[in-house]
Amino acid sequence: MTVGFVATHYPHTDHHDEFVSRVRRVADVLRSTPGCLAAECWVTAAGDAVVSIVRWESEAAQAASMQALGSADVDVAFDDREVRLREIVQLVSA
């Protein structure tokens, strides 16, 4: 069973480009981990949100990727650069 998530981030307008760069760096780290099938950065057509979409071959691969992310030199902190809380939807294949 594959697993994944869709994370929607809402950066302040003046931090939008920086936030896209942050999400792309995180996606690069995740893609480099074993079992990560895809990690992408999208922007909504309205430009108000940055969306991360990630898929793994298993829950174990996801857990390992998230652990690797914790020790990587990337910025994943929620702070005042975002106008509202992130929305994260966990997925499992049907």
C-alpha atoms as a PDB file:
ATOM      1  CA  MET A   1       0.000   0.000   0.000  1.00  0.00           C
ATOM      2  CA  THR A   2       1.398   3.393  -0.963  1.00  0.00           C
ATOM      3  CA  VAL A   3       0.962   6.368   1.347  1.00  0.00           C
ATOM      4  CA  GLY A   4       1.275  10.094   0.939  1.00  0.00           C
ATOM      5  CA  PHE A   5       0.151  13.507   1.964  1.00  0.00           C
ATOM      6  CA  VAL A   6      -0.997  16.801   0.583  1.00  0.00           C
ATOM      7  CA  ALA A   7       0.149  19.775   2.645  1.00  0.00           C
ATOM      8  CA  THR A   8      -1.253  23.207   1.893  1.00  0.00           C
ATOM      9  CA  HIS A   9       0.764  26.168   3.163  1.00  0.00           C
ATOM     10  CA  TYR A  10      -0.437  29.780   3.277  1.00  0.00           C
ATOM     11  CA  PRO A  11       2.546  32.148   3.231  1.00  0.00           C
ATOM     12  CA  HIS A  12       2.257  35.916   3.548  1.00  0.00           C
ATOM     13  CA  THR A  13       2.441  37.548   0.130  1.00  0.00           C
ATOM     14  CA  ASP A  14       5.849  39.044   0.884  1.00  0.00           C
ATOM     15  CA  HIS A  15       7.214  35.560   1.765  1.00  0.00           C
ATOM     16  CA  HIS A  16       5.626  33.660  -1.140  1.00  0.00           C
ATOM     17  CA  ASP A  17       8.732  33.201  -3.311  1.00  0.00           C
ATOM     18  CA  GLU A  18      10.874  32.322  -0.289  1.00  0.00           C
ATOM     19  CA  PHE A  19       8.272  29.778   0.769  1.00  0.00           C
ATOM     20  CA  VAL A  20       8.205  28.138  -2.659  1.00  0.00           C
ATOM     21  CA  SER A  21      11.987  27.761  -2.387  1.00  0.00           C
ATOM     22  CA  ARG A  22      11.636  26.246   1.092  1.00  0.00           C
ATOM     23  CA  VAL A  23       9.086  23.686  -0.092  1.00  0.00           C
ATOM     24  CA  ARG A  24      11.225  22.783  -3.113  1.00  0.00           C
ATOM     25  CA  ARG A  25      14.253  22.158  -0.860  1.00  0.00           C
ATOM     26  CA  VAL A  26      12.161  19.924   1.390  1.00  0.00           C
ATOM     27  CA  ALA A  27      10.896  18.035  -1.674  1.00  0.00           C
ATOM     28  CA  ASP A  28      14.494  17.542  -2.844  1.00  0.00           C
ATOM     29  CA  VAL A  29      15.430  16.001   0.512  1.00  0.00           C
ATOM     30  CA  LEU A  30      12.375  13.744   0.550  1.00  0.00           C
ATOM     31  CA  ARG A  31      12.970  12.556  -3.040  1.00  0.00           C
ATOM     32  CA  SER A  32      16.512  11.549  -2.096  1.00  0.00           C
ATOM     33  CA  THR A  33      15.280   9.086   0.545  1.00  0.00           C
ATOM     34  CA  PRO A  34      14.654   5.399  -0.223  1.00  0.00           C
ATOM     35  CA  GLY A  35      11.028   4.601  -0.914  1.00  0.00           C
ATOM     36  CA  CYS A  36       9.931   8.124  -1.804  1.00  0.00           C
ATOM     37  CA  LEU A  37       8.072   7.832  -5.107  1.00  0.00           C
ATOM     38  CA  ALA A  38       7.435  11.538  -5.703  1.00  0.00           C
ATOM     39  CA  ALA A  39       7.694  14.892  -3.948  1.00  0.00           C
ATOM     40  CA  GLU A  40       6.396  17.981  -5.692  1.00  0.00           C
ATOM     41  CA  CYS A  41       5.767  21.648  -5.043  1.00  0.00           C
ATOM     42  CA  TRP A  42       2.684  23.260  -6.536  1.00  0.00           C
ATOM     43  CA  VAL A  43       1.179  26.742  -6.310  1.00  0.00           C
ATOM     44  CA  THR A  44      -2.564  27.327  -6.430  1.00  0.00           C
ATOM     45  CA  ALA A  45      -3.866  29.119  -9.521  1.00  0.00           C
ATOM     46  CA  ALA A  46      -4.907  32.009  -7.273  1.00  0.00           C
ATOM     47  CA  GLY A  47      -1.357  32.157  -5.907  1.00  0.00           C
ATOM     48  CA  ASP A  48      -2.515  32.186  -2.293  1.00  0.00           C
ATOM     49  CA  ALA A  49      -1.143  28.786  -1.291  1.00  0.00           C
ATOM     50  CA  VAL A  50       1.868  26.534  -1.805  1.00  0.00           C
ATOM     51  CA  VAL A  51       1.049  22.832  -1.919  1.00  0.00           C
ATOM     52  CA  SER A  52       3.345  19.883  -1.199  1.00  0.00           C
ATOM     53  CA  ILE A  53       2.350  16.513  -2.633  1.00  0.00           C
ATOM     54  CA  VAL A  54       4.447  13.516  -1.569  1.00  0.00           C
ATOM     55  CA  ARG A  55       4.062   9.743  -2.121  1.00  0.00           C
ATOM     56  CA  TRP A  56       5.951   6.797  -0.606  1.00  0.00           C
ATOM     57  CA  GLU A  57       5.949   3.074  -1.277  1.00  0.00           C
ATOM     58  CA  SER A  58       5.053   2.310   2.368  1.00  0.00           C
ATOM     59  CA  GLU A  59       4.415   3.775   5.803  1.00  0.00           C
ATOM     60  CA  ALA A  60       7.924   2.659   6.818  1.00  0.00           C
ATOM     61  CA  ALA A  61       9.442   4.608   3.909  1.00  0.00           C
ATOM     62  CA  GLN A  62       7.426   7.683   4.899  1.00  0.00           C
ATOM     63  CA  ALA A  63       8.607   7.419   8.501  1.00  0.00           C
ATOM     64  CA  ALA A  64      12.227   7.058   7.385  1.00  0.00           C
ATOM     65  CA  SER A  65      11.914  10.073   5.067  1.00  0.00           C
ATOM     66  CA  MET A  66      10.428  12.207   7.803  1.00  0.00           C
ATOM     67  CA  GLN A  67      13.235  11.196  10.153  1.00  0.00           C
ATOM     68  CA  ALA A  68      15.802  12.123   7.476  1.00  0.00           C
ATOM     69  CA  LEU A  69      14.041  15.435   6.993  1.00  0.00           C
ATOM     70  CA  GLY A  70      14.443  16.160  10.687  1.00  0.00           C
ATOM     71  CA  SER A  71      18.225  15.916  10.407  1.00  0.00           C
ATOM     72  CA  ALA A  72      18.517  17.727   7.053  1.00  0.00           C
ATOM     73  CA  ASP A  73      19.405  21.402   6.766  1.00  0.00           C
ATOM     74  CA  VAL A  74      15.933  22.555   5.669  1.00  0.00           C
ATOM     75  CA  ASP A  75      13.449  24.972   7.184  1.00  0.00           C
ATOM     76  CA  VAL A  76      10.154  23.285   8.049  1.00  0.00           C
ATOM     77  CA  ALA A  77       9.151  25.449  11.012  1.00  0.00           C
ATOM     78  CA  PHE A  78       5.749  27.064  11.127  1.00  0.00           C
ATOM     79  CA  ASP A  79       6.130  30.724  12.017  1.00  0.00           C
ATOM     80  CA  ASP A  80       4.806  34.205  11.307  1.00  0.00           C
ATOM     81  CA  ARG A  81       5.747  33.930   7.614  1.00  0.00           C
ATOM     82  CA  GLU A  82       2.505  31.986   7.231  1.00  0.00           C
ATOM     83  CA  VAL A  83      -0.891  33.652   7.553  1.00  0.00           C
ATOM     84  CA  ARG A  84      -2.698  30.548   8.814  1.00  0.00           C
ATOM     85  CA  LEU A  85      -2.031  27.000   9.912  1.00  0.00           C
ATOM     86  CA  ARG A  86      -0.988  24.434   7.341  1.00  0.00           C
ATOM     87  CA  GLU A  87      -3.533  21.875   6.258  1.00  0.00           C
ATOM     88  CA  ILE A  88      -2.093  18.371   5.976  1.00  0.00           C
ATOM     89  CA  VAL A  89      -4.129  15.481   4.591  1.00  0.00           C
ATOM     90  CA  GLN A  90      -2.665  11.984   5.012  1.00  0.00           C
ATOM     91  CA  LEU A  91      -3.414   9.562   2.171  1.00  0.00           C
ATOM     92  CA  VAL A  92      -3.374   5.785   1.629  1.00  0.00           C
ATOM     93  CA  SER A  93      -3.847   4.065  -1.707  1.00  0.00           C
ATOM     94  CA  ALA A  94      -7.161   2.370  -2.337  1.00  0.00           C
END
